[in-house]
C-alpha cells in the first residue's frame, strides 16, 4: 500500500524548484514545498548530465527504493522532489537513504 502520490505534472515540479526549499548533497538534491492537498507527494527527476538512459533509470530505482520504507516517518502535506546527480548511480539505496533522512530532517518534515 502506497502512502504517497507521484508528482507527474511539469507545473508541480516547476513550483517545487521555484518556491521550495532545497537541500543539496553530492549524491542527491531534495526540494521540499508545503502543498494544500494534505497528501505526501513525491517526484523523482534525473537529467541527461547523469548519464545514458540505463544510468538515469538506475538512479530513479535507487531513489525510489531508498524512499520506499520512509512514508510512515514523513508528515503529510508536502511535495518532495528528489533530483539525482551523477554520483547517485554509484550509491547503494541504504546509503542514499541515510543522506535522504538527513536532508528531510533538516527540512523538518519528519514526524
N, C-alpha and C. Protein backbone atom coordinates (compact mmCIF):
# COMPACT_ATOMS: atom_id res chain seq x y z
N UNK A 1 0.84 -1.19 0.00
CA UNK A 1 0.00 0.00 0.00
C UNK A 1 0.88 1.25 0.00
N UNK A 2 0.67 2.11 -0.97
CA UNK A 2 1.45 3.34 -1.05
C UNK A 2 0.79 4.43 -0.21
N UNK A 3 1.61 5.18 0.50
CA UNK A 3 1.10 6.26 1.32
C UNK A 3 1.48 7.62 0.74
N UNK A 4 1.83 7.63 -0.51
CA UNK A 4 2.18 8.87 -1.18
C UNK A 4 1.64 8.84 -2.60
N UNK A 5 1.63 10.02 -3.22
CA UNK A 5 1.15 10.18 -4.59
C UNK A 5 2.33 10.69 -5.41
N UNK A 6 2.43 10.25 -6.66
CA UNK A 6 3.51 10.73 -7.53
C UNK A 6 3.17 12.09 -8.11
N UNK A 7 4.19 12.92 -8.26
CA UNK A 7 4.03 14.20 -8.95
C UNK A 7 4.31 13.92 -10.42
N UNK A 8 3.35 14.25 -11.28
CA UNK A 8 3.51 13.98 -12.70
C UNK A 8 3.52 15.24 -13.55
N UNK A 9 2.91 16.30 -13.07
CA UNK A 9 2.75 17.49 -13.89
C UNK A 9 3.99 18.39 -13.82
N UNK A 10 4.40 18.90 -14.98
CA UNK A 10 5.56 19.77 -15.06
C UNK A 10 5.39 21.00 -14.17
N UNK A 11 4.18 21.56 -14.12
CA UNK A 11 3.98 22.78 -13.32
C UNK A 11 4.22 22.51 -11.82
N UNK A 12 3.93 21.29 -11.37
CA UNK A 12 4.19 20.95 -9.97
C UNK A 12 5.69 20.87 -9.69
N UNK A 13 6.45 20.30 -10.63
CA UNK A 13 7.90 20.27 -10.49
C UNK A 13 8.45 21.70 -10.51
N UNK A 14 7.97 22.52 -11.46
CA UNK A 14 8.45 23.89 -11.58
C UNK A 14 8.18 24.69 -10.30
N UNK A 15 7.00 24.48 -9.69
CA UNK A 15 6.65 25.19 -8.46
C UNK A 15 7.60 24.77 -7.33
N UNK A 16 7.93 23.48 -7.26
CA UNK A 16 8.85 22.99 -6.24
C UNK A 16 10.24 23.61 -6.43
N UNK A 17 10.69 23.69 -7.69
CA UNK A 17 12.00 24.29 -7.95
C UNK A 17 12.02 25.77 -7.60
N UNK A 18 10.95 26.49 -7.94
CA UNK A 18 10.91 27.94 -7.76
C UNK A 18 10.67 28.34 -6.31
N UNK A 19 9.74 27.68 -5.65
CA UNK A 19 9.32 28.12 -4.31
C UNK A 19 9.76 27.21 -3.18
N UNK A 20 10.22 26.01 -3.52
CA UNK A 20 10.60 25.05 -2.48
C UNK A 20 11.96 25.34 -1.89
N UNK A 21 12.20 24.77 -0.73
CA UNK A 21 13.50 24.89 -0.07
C UNK A 21 14.34 23.72 -0.55
N UNK A 22 15.59 23.98 -0.92
CA UNK A 22 16.43 22.91 -1.45
C UNK A 22 17.49 22.48 -0.44
N UNK A 23 17.79 21.20 -0.47
CA UNK A 23 18.82 20.62 0.38
C UNK A 23 19.73 19.82 -0.54
N UNK A 24 21.03 20.17 -0.52
CA UNK A 24 21.95 19.67 -1.53
C UNK A 24 23.01 18.78 -0.90
N UNK A 25 23.32 17.69 -1.56
CA UNK A 25 24.46 16.85 -1.21
C UNK A 25 25.09 16.40 -2.53
N UNK A 26 26.28 15.82 -2.49
CA UNK A 26 26.92 15.39 -3.74
C UNK A 26 26.14 14.29 -4.49
N UNK A 27 25.25 13.59 -3.80
CA UNK A 27 24.54 12.48 -4.45
C UNK A 27 23.06 12.74 -4.69
N UNK A 28 22.49 13.77 -4.04
CA UNK A 28 21.04 13.97 -4.14
C UNK A 28 20.69 15.42 -3.80
N UNK A 29 19.73 15.97 -4.55
CA UNK A 29 19.17 17.28 -4.22
C UNK A 29 17.70 17.05 -3.90
N UNK A 30 17.25 17.62 -2.79
CA UNK A 30 15.86 17.46 -2.37
C UNK A 30 15.20 18.82 -2.28
N UNK A 31 14.05 18.96 -2.94
CA UNK A 31 13.24 20.18 -2.83
C UNK A 31 12.02 19.84 -2.00
N UNK A 32 11.72 20.69 -1.02
CA UNK A 32 10.58 20.47 -0.13
C UNK A 32 9.67 21.69 -0.20
N UNK A 33 8.38 21.43 -0.43
CA UNK A 33 7.40 22.50 -0.53
C UNK A 33 6.10 22.04 0.10
N UNK A 34 5.52 22.90 0.92
CA UNK A 34 4.23 22.56 1.54
C UNK A 34 3.16 22.63 0.45
N UNK A 35 2.23 21.66 0.47
CA UNK A 35 1.15 21.71 -0.51
C UNK A 35 -0.20 21.84 0.19
N UNK A 36 -1.23 22.14 -0.56
CA UNK A 36 -2.57 22.31 0.02
C UNK A 36 -3.40 21.04 -0.06
N UNK A 37 -2.82 19.99 -0.59
CA UNK A 37 -3.58 18.76 -0.82
C UNK A 37 -3.61 17.85 0.41
N UNK A 38 -2.84 18.19 1.44
CA UNK A 38 -2.77 17.40 2.67
C UNK A 38 -2.37 15.96 2.39
N UNK A 39 -1.59 15.77 1.34
CA UNK A 39 -1.08 14.44 1.00
C UNK A 39 0.42 14.56 0.76
N UNK A 40 1.11 13.46 0.97
CA UNK A 40 2.54 13.43 0.67
C UNK A 40 2.69 13.10 -0.81
N UNK A 41 3.36 13.98 -1.54
CA UNK A 41 3.57 13.76 -2.98
C UNK A 41 5.07 13.77 -3.24
N UNK A 42 5.53 12.83 -4.06
CA UNK A 42 6.95 12.81 -4.40
C UNK A 42 7.15 12.77 -5.91
N UNK A 43 8.25 13.37 -6.33
CA UNK A 43 8.65 13.34 -7.73
C UNK A 43 10.14 13.04 -7.79
N UNK A 44 10.56 12.33 -8.81
CA UNK A 44 11.97 12.00 -8.99
C UNK A 44 12.38 12.44 -10.39
N UNK A 45 13.47 13.20 -10.47
CA UNK A 45 13.96 13.63 -11.78
C UNK A 45 15.43 13.28 -11.92
N UNK A 46 15.81 13.02 -13.16
CA UNK A 46 17.21 12.79 -13.49
C UNK A 46 17.48 13.53 -14.79
N UNK A 47 18.58 14.24 -14.85
CA UNK A 47 18.89 14.97 -16.08
C UNK A 47 19.83 14.13 -16.94
N UNK A 48 20.02 14.58 -18.16
CA UNK A 48 20.92 13.86 -19.06
C UNK A 48 22.37 13.96 -18.61
N UNK A 49 22.66 14.92 -17.72
CA UNK A 49 24.01 15.02 -17.17
C UNK A 49 24.35 13.78 -16.35
N UNK A 50 23.32 13.10 -15.84
CA UNK A 50 23.52 11.91 -15.03
C UNK A 50 24.14 10.78 -15.83
N UNK A 51 23.83 10.72 -17.12
CA UNK A 51 24.39 9.66 -17.96
C UNK A 51 23.36 9.19 -18.97
N UNK A 52 23.59 8.01 -19.52
CA UNK A 52 22.67 7.49 -20.52
C UNK A 52 21.38 6.97 -19.85
N UNK A 53 20.47 6.43 -20.63
CA UNK A 53 19.17 6.01 -20.12
C UNK A 53 19.30 4.94 -19.04
N UNK A 54 20.25 4.05 -19.18
CA UNK A 54 20.43 2.99 -18.18
C UNK A 54 20.80 3.59 -16.84
N UNK A 55 21.72 4.53 -16.84
CA UNK A 55 22.14 5.18 -15.58
C UNK A 55 21.02 6.03 -14.98
N UNK A 56 20.26 6.72 -15.83
CA UNK A 56 19.15 7.54 -15.32
C UNK A 56 18.09 6.65 -14.68
N UNK A 57 17.78 5.53 -15.32
CA UNK A 57 16.80 4.62 -14.74
C UNK A 57 17.30 4.00 -13.45
N UNK A 58 18.59 3.67 -13.40
CA UNK A 58 19.16 3.12 -12.17
C UNK A 58 19.07 4.15 -11.06
N UNK A 59 19.35 5.42 -11.36
CA UNK A 59 19.25 6.48 -10.37
C UNK A 59 17.83 6.56 -9.81
N UNK A 60 16.85 6.53 -10.69
CA UNK A 60 15.45 6.58 -10.24
C UNK A 60 15.10 5.38 -9.38
N UNK A 61 15.56 4.20 -9.77
CA UNK A 61 15.28 2.99 -8.98
C UNK A 61 15.90 3.07 -7.59
N UNK A 62 17.13 3.56 -7.51
CA UNK A 62 17.83 3.67 -6.23
C UNK A 62 17.09 4.66 -5.32
N UNK A 63 16.70 5.80 -5.88
CA UNK A 63 15.98 6.81 -5.09
C UNK A 63 14.64 6.26 -4.62
N UNK A 64 13.91 5.60 -5.52
CA UNK A 64 12.60 5.04 -5.16
C UNK A 64 12.74 3.99 -4.06
N UNK A 65 13.75 3.14 -4.14
CA UNK A 65 13.96 2.11 -3.13
C UNK A 65 14.38 2.73 -1.79
N UNK A 66 15.22 3.76 -1.84
CA UNK A 66 15.63 4.42 -0.60
C UNK A 66 14.43 5.07 0.09
N UNK A 67 13.49 5.56 -0.69
CA UNK A 67 12.32 6.25 -0.13
C UNK A 67 11.22 5.28 0.30
N UNK A 68 11.23 4.05 -0.23
CA UNK A 68 10.12 3.11 -0.09
C UNK A 68 9.65 2.90 1.34
N UNK A 69 10.55 2.78 2.29
CA UNK A 69 10.16 2.49 3.68
C UNK A 69 9.91 3.75 4.50
N UNK A 70 10.10 4.91 3.90
CA UNK A 70 10.02 6.16 4.65
C UNK A 70 8.66 6.82 4.85
N UNK A 71 7.68 6.65 3.97
CA UNK A 71 6.48 7.48 4.07
C UNK A 71 5.82 7.54 5.45
N UNK A 72 5.93 6.47 6.23
CA UNK A 72 5.32 6.49 7.57
C UNK A 72 6.01 7.47 8.50
N UNK A 73 7.26 7.80 8.20
CA UNK A 73 8.04 8.69 9.06
C UNK A 73 7.93 10.17 8.64
N UNK A 74 7.24 10.45 7.54
CA UNK A 74 7.19 11.80 6.99
C UNK A 74 5.80 12.39 7.17
N UNK A 75 5.76 13.66 7.56
CA UNK A 75 4.48 14.36 7.70
C UNK A 75 3.81 14.48 6.33
N UNK A 76 2.49 14.44 6.31
CA UNK A 76 1.78 14.63 5.04
C UNK A 76 1.63 16.12 4.78
N UNK A 77 1.22 16.47 3.57
CA UNK A 77 1.04 17.87 3.21
C UNK A 77 2.28 18.50 2.60
N UNK A 78 3.20 17.68 2.10
CA UNK A 78 4.42 18.20 1.50
C UNK A 78 4.63 17.60 0.11
N UNK A 79 5.24 18.40 -0.77
CA UNK A 79 5.73 17.92 -2.05
C UNK A 79 7.24 17.73 -1.88
N UNK A 80 7.73 16.56 -2.23
CA UNK A 80 9.17 16.28 -2.18
C UNK A 80 9.62 15.95 -3.60
N UNK A 81 10.61 16.68 -4.08
CA UNK A 81 11.18 16.39 -5.40
C UNK A 81 12.64 16.01 -5.19
N UNK A 82 12.99 14.80 -5.61
CA UNK A 82 14.35 14.31 -5.50
C UNK A 82 15.01 14.40 -6.87
N UNK A 83 16.18 15.04 -6.93
CA UNK A 83 16.91 15.17 -8.18
C UNK A 83 18.20 14.37 -8.07
N UNK A 84 18.36 13.42 -8.97
CA UNK A 84 19.55 12.57 -8.97
C UNK A 84 20.74 13.37 -9.49
N UNK A 85 21.91 13.01 -9.01
CA UNK A 85 23.15 13.60 -9.50
C UNK A 85 24.01 12.48 -10.07
N UNK A 86 25.14 12.86 -10.65
CA UNK A 86 25.99 11.87 -11.34
C UNK A 86 26.44 10.75 -10.40
N UNK A 87 26.71 11.06 -9.13
CA UNK A 87 27.20 10.04 -8.19
C UNK A 87 26.10 9.12 -7.67
N UNK A 88 24.84 9.44 -7.94
CA UNK A 88 23.73 8.63 -7.42
C UNK A 88 23.82 7.19 -7.90
N UNK A 89 24.24 6.98 -9.15
CA UNK A 89 24.28 5.62 -9.71
C UNK A 89 25.29 4.74 -9.00
N UNK A 90 26.28 5.33 -8.35
CA UNK A 90 27.33 4.55 -7.69
C UNK A 90 26.98 4.19 -6.24
N UNK A 91 25.83 4.71 -5.76
CA UNK A 91 25.44 4.50 -4.36
C UNK A 91 24.56 3.27 -4.22
N UNK A 92 24.52 2.73 -3.00
CA UNK A 92 23.54 1.71 -2.65
C UNK A 92 22.33 2.44 -2.06
N UNK A 93 21.16 1.84 -2.18
CA UNK A 93 19.94 2.51 -1.70
C UNK A 93 19.99 2.75 -0.19
N UNK A 94 20.64 1.85 0.56
CA UNK A 94 20.72 2.03 2.01
C UNK A 94 21.58 3.25 2.36
N UNK A 95 22.66 3.47 1.60
CA UNK A 95 23.50 4.65 1.84
C UNK A 95 22.75 5.91 1.45
N UNK A 96 22.03 5.84 0.35
CA UNK A 96 21.26 7.00 -0.10
C UNK A 96 20.14 7.33 0.88
N UNK A 97 19.58 6.29 1.50
CA UNK A 97 18.51 6.50 2.49
C UNK A 97 19.02 7.37 3.65
N UNK A 98 20.26 7.13 4.09
CA UNK A 98 20.85 7.94 5.17
C UNK A 98 20.96 9.40 4.76
N UNK A 99 21.41 9.64 3.53
CA UNK A 99 21.53 11.01 3.01
C UNK A 99 20.14 11.65 2.95
N UNK A 100 19.16 10.88 2.44
CA UNK A 100 17.79 11.37 2.30
C UNK A 100 17.20 11.71 3.67
N UNK A 101 17.41 10.83 4.66
CA UNK A 101 16.89 11.07 6.01
C UNK A 101 17.48 12.36 6.59
N UNK A 102 18.77 12.56 6.37
CA UNK A 102 19.42 13.75 6.91
C UNK A 102 18.85 15.01 6.27
N UNK A 103 18.61 14.97 4.95
CA UNK A 103 18.05 16.13 4.26
C UNK A 103 16.62 16.39 4.73
N UNK A 104 15.83 15.34 4.90
CA UNK A 104 14.44 15.51 5.34
C UNK A 104 14.36 15.98 6.79
N UNK A 105 15.34 15.55 7.60
CA UNK A 105 15.40 16.03 8.99
C UNK A 105 15.72 17.53 9.00
N UNK A 106 16.65 17.96 8.14
CA UNK A 106 16.98 19.38 8.03
C UNK A 106 15.78 20.19 7.56
N UNK A 107 14.94 19.58 6.71
CA UNK A 107 13.76 20.25 6.19
C UNK A 107 12.64 20.33 7.23
N UNK A 108 12.73 19.48 8.27
CA UNK A 108 11.72 19.49 9.30
C UNK A 108 10.42 18.78 8.91
N UNK A 109 10.51 17.80 8.01
CA UNK A 109 9.30 17.10 7.58
C UNK A 109 9.16 15.71 8.20
N UNK A 110 10.12 15.31 9.03
CA UNK A 110 9.98 14.01 9.70
C UNK A 110 9.07 14.15 10.91
N UNK A 111 8.33 13.09 11.20
CA UNK A 111 7.41 13.10 12.36
C UNK A 111 8.17 13.05 13.65
